Amino acid sequence: MYTIDTSVFINAVEPLETDHAASRQLLGDALAQHAATLAAAHPLRGADAVYAAVAHHFGATLVSRDREHLTRLPAVVPVLHPTDALARLQAMTT
């Protein structure tokens, strides 16, 4: 499984950049498609959608301060603000 950096997304849409074809082809993978679907369904920017897709794929909770994640994704993937995640972790250790 890959976590794809934003630079690859940018490279994929810039045809004059070196390795454009490889980046474009790589983003044809299932996770990238899932991220694109989430981005369209929940008005998310590219990198934000990737974080959501990775969390969703692995059944993980997304920890984020991003307002879009916190307000648009709870029906799709669990999302916690860092302070809430910390409180939960501390409660589990007491």
PDB file of N, CA and C in Angstrom:
ATOM      1  N   MET A   1       0.838  -1.167   0.000  1.00  0.00           N
ATOM      2  CA  MET A   1       0.000   0.000   0.000  1.00  0.00           C
ATOM      3  C   MET A   1       0.884   1.231   0.000  1.00  0.00           C
ATOM      4  N   TYR A   2       0.473   2.247  -0.725  1.00  0.00           N
ATOM      5  CA  TYR A   2       1.229   3.477  -0.830  1.00  0.00           C
ATOM      6  C   TYR A   2       0.461   4.640  -0.218  1.00  0.00           C
ATOM      7  N   THR A   3       1.187   5.562   0.378  1.00  0.00           N
ATOM      8  CA  THR A   3       0.657   6.865   0.720  1.00  0.00           C
ATOM      9  C   THR A   3       1.312   7.830  -0.254  1.00  0.00           C
ATOM     10  N   ILE A   4       0.509   8.522  -1.013  1.00  0.00           N
ATOM     11  CA  ILE A   4       1.028   9.323  -2.117  1.00  0.00           C
ATOM     12  C   ILE A   4       1.094  10.788  -1.725  1.00  0.00           C
ATOM     13  N   ASP A   5       2.263  11.382  -1.894  1.00  0.00           N
ATOM     14  CA  ASP A   5       2.512  12.778  -1.572  1.00  0.00           C
ATOM     15  C   ASP A   5       1.852  13.696  -2.606  1.00  0.00           C
ATOM     16  N   THR A   6       1.536  14.897  -2.183  1.00  0.00           N
ATOM     17  CA  THR A   6       0.914  15.880  -3.060  1.00  0.00           C
ATOM     18  C   THR A   6       1.750  16.171  -4.299  1.00  0.00           C
ATOM     19  N   SER A   7       3.071  16.085  -4.184  1.00  0.00           N
ATOM     20  CA  SER A   7       3.934  16.368  -5.338  1.00  0.00           C
ATOM     21  C   SER A   7       3.647  15.434  -6.507  1.00  0.00           C
ATOM     22  N   VAL A   8       3.214  14.211  -6.205  1.00  0.00           N
ATOM     23  CA  VAL A   8       2.880  13.252  -7.267  1.00  0.00           C
ATOM     24  C   VAL A   8       1.588  13.691  -7.961  1.00  0.00           C
ATOM     25  N   PHE A   9       0.611  14.163  -7.184  1.00  0.00           N
ATOM     26  CA  PHE A   9      -0.636  14.650  -7.779  1.00  0.00           C
ATOM     27  C   PHE A   9      -0.364  15.839  -8.693  1.00  0.00           C
ATOM     28  N   ILE A  10       0.478  16.751  -8.232  1.00  0.00           N
ATOM     29  CA  ILE A  10       0.811  17.919  -9.054  1.00  0.00           C
ATOM     30  C   ILE A  10       1.544  17.485 -10.310  1.00  0.00           C
ATOM     31  N   ASN A  11       2.513  16.573 -10.156  1.00  0.00           N
ATOM     32  CA  ASN A  11       3.273  16.070 -11.297  1.00  0.00           C
ATOM     33  C   ASN A  11       2.356  15.392 -12.314  1.00  0.00           C
ATOM     34  N   ALA A  12       1.329  14.738 -11.841  1.00  0.00           N
ATOM     35  CA  ALA A  12       0.416  14.018 -12.732  1.00  0.00           C
ATOM     36  C   ALA A  12      -0.406  14.943 -13.617  1.00  0.00           C
ATOM     37  N   VAL A  13      -0.622  16.168 -13.173  1.00  0.00           N
ATOM     38  CA  VAL A  13      -1.422  17.102 -13.978  1.00  0.00           C
ATOM     39  C   VAL A  13      -0.585  18.105 -14.757  1.00  0.00           C
ATOM     40  N   GLU A  14       0.721  18.058 -14.593  1.00  0.00           N
ATOM     41  CA  GLU A  14       1.635  18.960 -15.305  1.00  0.00           C
ATOM     42  C   GLU A  14       2.378  18.183 -16.384  1.00  0.00           C
ATOM     43  N   PRO A  15       1.849  18.133 -17.603  1.00  0.00           N
ATOM     44  CA  PRO A  15       2.424  17.287 -18.650  1.00  0.00           C
ATOM     45  C   PRO A  15       3.855  17.632 -19.050  1.00  0.00           C
ATOM     46  N   LEU A  16       4.331  18.822 -18.765  1.00  0.00           N
ATOM     47  CA  LEU A  16       5.694  19.189 -19.148  1.00  0.00           C
ATOM     48  C   LEU A  16       6.740  18.785 -18.098  1.00  0.00           C
ATOM     49  N   GLU A  17       6.303  18.316 -16.935  1.00  0.00           N
ATOM     50  CA  GLU A  17       7.242  17.929 -15.889  1.00  0.00           C
ATOM     51  C   GLU A  17       7.826  16.543 -16.143  1.00  0.00           C
ATOM     52  N   THR A  18       9.064  16.366 -15.676  1.00  0.00           N
ATOM     53  CA  THR A  18       9.717  15.063 -15.747  1.00  0.00           C
ATOM     54  C   THR A  18       8.887  14.043 -14.966  1.00  0.00           C
ATOM     55  N   ASP A  19       8.760  12.844 -15.495  1.00  0.00           N
ATOM     56  CA  ASP A  19       8.040  11.716 -14.877  1.00  0.00           C
ATOM     57  C   ASP A  19       6.532  11.903 -14.806  1.00  0.00           C
ATOM     58  N   HIS A  20       6.006  12.859 -15.572  1.00  0.00           N
ATOM     59  CA  HIS A  20       4.560  13.092 -15.598  1.00  0.00           C
ATOM     60  C   HIS A  20       3.788  11.806 -15.904  1.00  0.00           C
ATOM     61  N   ALA A  21       4.225  11.072 -16.917  1.00  0.00           N
ATOM     62  CA  ALA A  21       3.500   9.861 -17.336  1.00  0.00           C
ATOM     63  C   ALA A  21       3.444   8.829 -16.215  1.00  0.00           C
ATOM     64  N   ALA A  22       4.549   8.644 -15.520  1.00  0.00           N
ATOM     65  CA  ALA A  22       4.582   7.667 -14.422  1.00  0.00           C
ATOM     66  C   ALA A  22       3.648   8.086 -13.291  1.00  0.00           C
ATOM     67  N   SER A  23       3.668   9.368 -12.934  1.00  0.00           N
ATOM     68  CA  SER A  23       2.780   9.850 -11.874  1.00  0.00           C
ATOM     69  C   SER A  23       1.321   9.700 -12.279  1.00  0.00           C
ATOM     70  N   ARG A  24       1.032  10.054 -13.521  1.00  0.00           N
ATOM     71  CA  ARG A  24      -0.342   9.950 -14.032  1.00  0.00           C
ATOM     72  C   ARG A  24      -0.820   8.499 -14.003  1.00  0.00           C
ATOM     73  N   GLN A  25       0.042   7.590 -14.431  1.00  0.00           N
ATOM     74  CA  GLN A  25      -0.315   6.176 -14.445  1.00  0.00           C
ATOM     75  C   GLN A  25      -0.489   5.638 -13.024  1.00  0.00           C
ATOM     76  N   LEU A  26       0.393   6.032 -12.127  1.00  0.00           N
ATOM     77  CA  LEU A  26       0.300   5.587 -10.737  1.00  0.00           C
ATOM     78  C   LEU A  26      -1.027   5.982 -10.109  1.00  0.00           C
ATOM     79  N   LEU A  27      -1.497   7.172 -10.423  1.00  0.00           N
ATOM     80  CA  LEU A  27      -2.739   7.647  -9.832  1.00  0.00           C
ATOM     81  C   LEU A  27      -3.972   6.945 -10.389  1.00  0.00           C
ATOM     82  N   GLY A  28      -3.776   6.054 -11.334  1.00  0.00           N
ATOM     83  CA  GLY A  28      -4.864   5.224 -11.818  1.00  0.00           C
ATOM     84  C   GLY A  28      -5.163   4.077 -10.866  1.00  0.00           C
ATOM     85  N   ASP A  29      -4.354   3.897  -9.755  1.00  0.00           N
ATOM     86  CA  ASP A  29      -4.555   2.824  -8.769  1.00  0.00           C
ATOM     87  C   ASP A  29      -5.869   2.991  -8.034  1.00  0.00           C
ATOM     88  N   ALA A  30      -6.343   1.948  -7.382  1.00  0.00           N
ATOM     89  CA  ALA A  30      -7.641   1.930  -6.698  1.00  0.00           C
ATOM     90  C   ALA A  30      -7.715   2.969  -5.585  1.00  0.00           C
ATOM     91  N   LEU A  31      -6.672   3.136  -4.791  1.00  0.00           N
ATOM     92  CA  LEU A  31      -6.718   4.093  -3.700  1.00  0.00           C
ATOM     93  C   LEU A  31      -6.875   5.517  -4.222  1.00  0.00           C
ATOM     94  N   ALA A  32      -6.180   5.812  -5.288  1.00  0.00           N
ATOM     95  CA  ALA A  32      -6.304   7.146  -5.869  1.00  0.00           C
ATOM     96  C   ALA A  32      -7.719   7.375  -6.388  1.00  0.00           C
ATOM     97  N   GLN A  33      -8.314   6.355  -6.968  1.00  0.00           N
ATOM     98  CA  GLN A  33      -9.697   6.473  -7.440  1.00  0.00           C
ATOM     99  C   GLN A  33     -10.648   6.687  -6.267  1.00  0.00           C
ATOM    100  N   HIS A  34     -10.386   5.962  -5.173  1.00  0.00           N
ATOM    101  CA  HIS A  34     -11.211   6.123  -3.978  1.00  0.00           C
ATOM    102  C   HIS A  34     -11.077   7.544  -3.428  1.00  0.00           C
ATOM    103  N   ALA A  35      -9.849   8.055  -3.411  1.00  0.00           N
ATOM    104  CA  ALA A  35      -9.622   9.425  -2.957  1.00  0.00           C
ATOM    105  C   ALA A  35     -10.360  10.420  -3.844  1.00  0.00           C
ATOM    106  N   ALA A  36     -10.331  10.182  -5.135  1.00  0.00           N
ATOM    107  CA  ALA A  36     -11.035  11.073  -6.057  1.00  0.00           C
ATOM    108  C   ALA A  36     -12.540  11.034  -5.817  1.00  0.00           C
ATOM    109  N   THR A  37     -13.074   9.859  -5.546  1.00  0.00           N
ATOM    110  CA  THR A  37     -14.499   9.707  -5.259  1.00  0.00           C
ATOM    111  C   THR A  37     -14.865  10.462  -3.980  1.00  0.00           C
ATOM    112  N   LEU A  38     -14.027  10.302  -2.930  1.00  0.00           N
ATOM    113  CA  LEU A  38     -14.278  11.024  -1.676  1.00  0.00           C
ATOM    114  C   LEU A  38     -14.184  12.534  -1.881  1.00  0.00           C
ATOM    115  N   ALA A  39     -13.214  12.957  -2.675  1.00  0.00           N
ATOM    116  CA  ALA A  39     -13.043  14.385  -2.940  1.00  0.00           C
ATOM    117  C   ALA A  39     -14.275  14.975  -3.609  1.00  0.00           C
ATOM    118  N   ALA A  40     -14.826  14.242  -4.545  1.00  0.00           N
ATOM    119  CA  ALA A  40     -16.007  14.728  -5.259  1.00  0.00           C
ATOM    120  C   ALA A  40     -17.255  14.704  -4.372  1.00  0.00           C
ATOM    121  N   ALA A  41     -17.399  13.662  -3.578  1.00  0.00           N
ATOM    122  CA  ALA A  41     -18.606  13.500  -2.770  1.00  0.00           C
ATOM    123  C   ALA A  41     -18.635  14.405  -1.540  1.00  0.00           C
ATOM    124  N   HIS A  42     -17.452  14.775  -1.037  1.00  0.00           N
ATOM    125  CA  HIS A  42     -17.395  15.537   0.211  1.00  0.00           C
ATOM    126  C   HIS A  42     -16.568  16.811   0.088  1.00  0.00           C
ATOM    127  N   PRO A  43     -16.604  17.504  -1.060  1.00  0.00           N
ATOM    128  CA  PRO A  43     -15.782  18.658  -1.406  1.00  0.00           C
ATOM    129  C   PRO A  43     -14.449  18.774  -0.650  1.00  0.00           C
ATOM    130  N   LEU A  44     -13.523  17.868  -0.960  1.00  0.00           N
ATOM    131  CA  LEU A  44     -12.202  17.866  -0.329  1.00  0.00           C
ATOM    132  C   LEU A  44     -11.131  18.159  -1.359  1.00  0.00           C
ATOM    133  N   ARG A  45     -10.055  18.784  -0.899  1.00  0.00           N
ATOM    134  CA  ARG A  45      -8.896  18.977  -1.767  1.00  0.00           C
ATOM    135  C   ARG A  45      -8.170  17.642  -1.912  1.00  0.00           C
ATOM    136  N   GLY A  46      -7.322  17.540  -2.933  1.00  0.00           N
ATOM    137  CA  GLY A  46      -6.635  16.288  -3.265  1.00  0.00           C
ATOM    138  C   GLY A  46      -5.965  15.596  -2.106  1.00  0.00           C
ATOM    139  N   ALA A  47      -5.058  16.278  -1.416  1.00  0.00           N
ATOM    140  CA  ALA A  47      -4.330  15.641  -0.321  1.00  0.00           C
ATOM    141  C   ALA A  47      -5.268  15.288   0.826  1.00  0.00           C
ATOM    142  N   ASP A  48      -6.260  16.127   1.108  1.00  0.00           N
ATOM    143  CA  ASP A  48      -7.224  15.825   2.164  1.00  0.00           C
ATOM    144  C   ASP A  48      -7.993  14.551   1.845  1.00  0.00           C
ATOM    145  N   ALA A  49      -8.323  14.365   0.592  1.00  0.00           N
ATOM    146  CA  ALA A  49      -9.039  13.160   0.178  1.00  0.00           C
ATOM    147  C   ALA A  49      -8.165  11.926   0.319  1.00  0.00           C
ATOM    148  N   VAL A  50      -6.881  12.062   0.074  1.00  0.00           N
ATOM    149  CA  VAL A  50      -5.969  10.921   0.219  1.00  0.00           C
ATOM    150  C   VAL A  50      -5.910  10.477   1.674  1.00  0.00           C
ATOM    151  N   TYR A  51      -5.783  11.430   2.601  1.00  0.00           N
ATOM    152  CA  TYR A  51      -5.773  11.060   4.020  1.00  0.00           C
ATOM    153  C   TYR A  51      -7.063  10.336   4.395  1.00  0.00           C
ATOM    154  N   ALA A  52      -8.177  10.824   3.915  1.00  0.00           N
ATOM    155  CA  ALA A  52      -9.465  10.192   4.203  1.00  0.00           C
ATOM    156  C   ALA A  52      -9.533   8.786   3.612  1.00  0.00           C
ATOM    157  N   ALA A  53      -9.059   8.624   2.387  1.00  0.00           N
ATOM    158  CA  ALA A  53      -9.097   7.310   1.739  1.00  0.00           C
ATOM    159  C   ALA A  53      -8.211   6.308   2.464  1.00  0.00           C
ATOM    160  N   VAL A  54      -7.039   6.734   2.909  1.00  0.00           N
ATOM    161  CA  VAL A  54      -6.143   5.839   3.640  1.00  0.00           C
ATOM    162  C   VAL A  54      -6.783   5.420   4.957  1.00  0.00           C
ATOM    163  N   ALA A  55      -7.339   6.378   5.707  1.00  0.00           N
ATOM    164  CA  ALA A  55      -8.004   6.048   6.972  1.00  0.00           C
ATOM    165  C   ALA A  55      -9.176   5.106   6.737  1.00  0.00           C
ATOM    166  N   HIS A  56      -9.972   5.385   5.726  1.00  0.00           N
ATOM    167  CA  HIS A  56     -11.124   4.545   5.405  1.00  0.00           C
ATOM    168  C   HIS A  56     -10.682   3.140   5.027  1.00  0.00           C
ATOM    169  N   HIS A  57      -9.681   3.038   4.177  1.00  0.00           N
ATOM    170  CA  HIS A  57      -9.190   1.736   3.710  1.00  0.00           C
ATOM    171  C   HIS A  57      -8.710   0.861   4.869  1.00  0.00           C
ATOM    172  N   PHE A  58      -8.021   1.464   5.820  1.00  0.00           N
ATOM    173  CA  PHE A  58      -7.451   0.700   6.922  1.00  0.00           C
ATOM    174  C   PHE A  58      -8.351   0.666   8.158  1.00  0.00           C
ATOM    175  N   GLY A  59      -9.548   1.238   8.061  1.00  0.00           N
ATOM    176  CA  GLY A  59     -10.469   1.232   9.194  1.00  0.00           C
ATOM    177  C   GLY A  59      -9.928   2.022  10.375  1.00  0.00           C
ATOM    178  N   ALA A  60      -9.185   3.079  10.083  1.00  0.00           N
ATOM    179  CA  ALA A  60      -8.544   3.880  11.118  1.00  0.00           C
ATOM    180  C   ALA A  60      -9.330   5.158  11.377  1.00  0.00           C
ATOM    181  N   THR A  61      -9.037   5.776  12.492  1.00  0.00           N
ATOM    182  CA  THR A  61      -9.584   7.090  12.806  1.00  0.00           C
ATOM    183  C   THR A  61      -8.625   8.137  12.270  1.00  0.00           C
ATOM    184  N   LEU A  62      -9.141   9.100  11.559  1.00  0.00           N
ATOM    185  CA  LEU A  62      -8.340  10.194  11.033  1.00  0.00           C
ATOM    186  C   LEU A  62      -8.239  11.276  12.104  1.00  0.00           C
ATOM    187  N   VAL A  63      -7.030  11.648  12.456  1.00  0.00           N
ATOM    188  CA  VAL A  63      -6.812  12.726  13.409  1.00  0.00           C
ATOM    189  C   VAL A  63      -6.395  13.953  12.601  1.00  0.00           C
ATOM    190  N   SER A  64      -7.176  15.014  12.724  1.00  0.00           N
ATOM    191  CA  SER A  64      -6.957  16.187  11.879  1.00  0.00           C
ATOM    192  C   SER A  64      -7.454  17.450  12.559  1.00  0.00           C
ATOM    193  N   ARG A  65      -6.822  18.560  12.213  1.00  0.00           N
ATOM    194  CA  ARG A  65      -7.314  19.875  12.616  1.00  0.00           C
ATOM    195  C   ARG A  65      -8.035  20.541  11.454  1.00  0.00           C
ATOM    196  N   ASP A  66      -8.097  19.877  10.326  1.00  0.00           N
ATOM    197  CA  ASP A  66      -8.691  20.429   9.114  1.00  0.00           C
ATOM    198  C   ASP A  66     -10.210  20.476   9.253  1.00  0.00           C
ATOM    199  N   ARG A  67     -10.761  21.675   9.133  1.00  0.00           N
ATOM    200  CA  ARG A  67     -12.210  21.870   9.285  1.00  0.00           C
ATOM    201  C   ARG A  67     -13.015  20.999   8.319  1.00  0.00           C
ATOM    202  N   GLU A  68     -12.521  20.854   7.076  1.00  0.00           N
ATOM    203  CA  GLU A  68     -13.233  20.033   6.097  1.00  0.00           C
ATOM    204  C   GLU A  68     -13.298  18.577   6.548  1.00  0.00           C
ATOM    205  N   HIS A  69     -12.189  18.053   7.071  1.00  0.00           N
ATOM    206  CA  HIS A  69     -12.206  16.680   7.581  1.00  0.00           C
ATOM    207  C   HIS A  69     -13.204  16.546   8.729  1.00  0.00           C
ATOM    208  N   LEU A  70     -13.123  17.474   9.669  1.00  0.00           N
ATOM    209  CA  LEU A  70     -13.946  17.380  10.875  1.00  0.00           C
ATOM    210  C   LEU A  70     -15.435  17.539  10.608  1.00  0.00           C
ATOM    211  N   THR A  71     -15.802  18.294   9.584  1.00  0.00           N
ATOM    212  CA  THR A  71     -17.220  18.544   9.328  1.00  0.00           C
ATOM    213  C   THR A  71     -17.805  17.704   8.204  1.00  0.00           C
ATOM    214  N   ARG A  72     -16.989  17.293   7.252  1.00  0.00           N
ATOM    215  CA  ARG A  72     -17.530  16.617   6.070  1.00  0.00           C
ATOM    216  C   ARG A  72     -17.369  15.106   6.070  1.00  0.00           C
ATOM    217  N   LEU A  73     -16.499  14.570   6.903  1.00  0.00           N
ATOM    218  CA  LEU A  73     -16.195  13.147   6.799  1.00  0.00           C
ATOM    219  C   LEU A  73     -16.749  12.224   7.872  1.00  0.00           C
ATOM    220  N   PRO A  74     -17.277  12.696   8.991  1.00  0.00           N
ATOM    221  CA  PRO A  74     -17.679  11.760  10.048  1.00  0.00           C
ATOM    222  C   PRO A  74     -18.638  10.651   9.620  1.00  0.00           C
ATOM    223  N   ALA A  75     -19.425  10.863   8.592  1.00  0.00           N
ATOM    224  CA  ALA A  75     -20.320   9.802   8.118  1.00  0.00           C
ATOM    225  C   ALA A  75     -19.562   8.728   7.333  1.00  0.00           C
ATOM    226  N   VAL A  76     -18.347   9.043   6.903  1.00  0.00           N
ATOM    227  CA  VAL A  76     -17.557   8.136   6.073  1.00  0.00           C
ATOM    228  C   VAL A  76     -16.454   7.461   6.872  1.00  0.00           C
ATOM    229  N   VAL A  77     -15.768   8.228   7.684  1.00  0.00           N
ATOM    230  CA  VAL A  77     -14.625   7.737   8.452  1.00  0.00           C
ATOM    231  C   VAL A  77     -14.599   8.490   9.788  1.00  0.00           C
ATOM    232  N   PRO A  78     -14.256   7.802  10.892  1.00  0.00           N
ATOM    233  CA  PRO A  78     -14.166   8.521  12.163  1.00  0.00           C
ATOM    234  C   PRO A  78     -13.074   9.590  12.101  1.00  0.00           C
ATOM    235  N   VAL A  79     -13.393  10.796  12.569  1.00  0.00           N
ATOM    236  CA  VAL A  79     -12.446  11.911  12.545  1.00  0.00           C
ATOM    237  C   VAL A  79     -12.422  12.542  13.928  1.00  0.00           C
ATOM    238  N   LEU A  80     -11.220  12.737  14.457  1.00  0.00           N
ATOM    239  CA  LEU A  80     -11.056  13.381  15.752  1.00  0.00           C
ATOM    240  C   LEU A  80     -10.072  14.535  15.649  1.00  0.00           C
ATOM    241  N   HIS A  81     -10.351  15.589  16.385  1.00  0.00           N
ATOM    242  CA  HIS A  81      -9.397  16.683  16.569  1.00  0.00           C
ATOM    243  C   HIS A  81      -8.279  16.130  17.467  1.00  0.00           C
ATOM    244  N   PRO A  82      -7.049  16.624  17.340  1.00  0.00           N
ATOM    245  CA  PRO A  82      -5.956  16.100  18.163  1.00  0.00           C
ATOM    246  C   PRO A  82      -6.233  16.126  19.666  1.00  0.00           C
ATOM    247  N   THR A  83      -6.917  17.158  20.150  1.00  0.00           N
ATOM    248  CA  THR A  83      -7.207  17.206  21.589  1.00  0.00           C
ATOM    249  C   THR A  83      -8.145  16.089  22.006  1.00  0.00           C
ATOM    250  N   ASP A  84      -9.106  15.752  21.147  1.00  0.00           N
ATOM    251  CA  ASP A  84     -10.020  14.654  21.443  1.00  0.00           C
ATOM    252  C   ASP A  84      -9.305  13.303  21.359  1.00  0.00           C
ATOM    253  N   ALA A  85      -8.428  13.154  20.384  1.00  0.00           N
ATOM    254  CA  ALA A  85      -7.657  11.912  20.256  1.00  0.00           C
ATOM    255  C   ALA A  85      -6.769  11.722  21.481  1.00  0.00           C
ATOM    256  N   LEU A  86      -6.133  12.792  21.933  1.00  0.00           N
ATOM    257  CA  LEU A  86      -5.281  12.724  23.115  1.00  0.00           C
ATOM    258  C   LEU A  86      -6.092  12.354  24.350  1.00  0.00           C
ATOM    259  N   ALA A  87      -7.264  12.962  24.500  1.00  0.00           N
ATOM    260  CA  ALA A  87      -8.123  12.657  25.650  1.00  0.00           C
ATOM    261  C   ALA A  87      -8.519  11.179  25.648  1.00  0.00           C
ATOM    262  N   ARG A  88      -8.839  10.641  24.487  1.00  0.00           N
ATOM    263  CA  ARG A  88      -9.205   9.221  24.388  1.00  0.00           C
ATOM    264  C   ARG A  88      -8.032   8.317  24.745  1.00  0.00           C
ATOM    265  N   LEU A  89      -6.853   8.671  24.242  1.00  0.00           N
ATOM    266  CA  LEU A  89      -5.666   7.887  24.561  1.00  0.00           C
ATOM    267  C   LEU A  89      -5.364   7.920  26.063  1.00  0.00           C
ATOM    268  N   GLN A  90      -5.487   9.090  26.652  1.00  0.00           N
ATOM    269  CA  GLN A  90      -5.225   9.221  28.084  1.00  0.00           C
ATOM    270  C   GLN A  90      -6.246   8.448  28.894  1.00  0.00           C
ATOM    271  N   ALA A  91      -7.503   8.430  28.458  1.00  0.00           N
ATOM    272  CA  ALA A  91      -8.552   7.689  29.164  1.00  0.00           C
ATOM    273  C   ALA A  91      -8.287   6.184  29.090  1.00  0.00           C
ATOM    274  N   MET A  92      -7.710   5.732  27.990  1.00  0.00           N
ATOM    275  CA  MET A  92      -7.421   4.297  27.839  1.00  0.00           C
ATOM    276  C   MET A  92      -6.265   3.851  28.733  1.00  0.00           C
ATOM    277  N   THR A  93      -5.399   4.765  29.122  1.00  0.00           N
ATOM    278  CA  THR A  93      -4.232   4.395  29.919  1.00  0.00           C
ATOM    279  C   THR A  93      -4.463   4.585  31.413  1.00  0.00           C
ATOM    280  N   THR A  94      -5.661   5.070  31.785  1.00  0.00           N
ATOM    281  CA  THR A  94      -5.923   5.253  33.224  1.00  0.00           C
ATOM    282  C   THR A  94      -6.858   4.202  33.741  1.00  0.00           C
TER     283      THR A  94
END
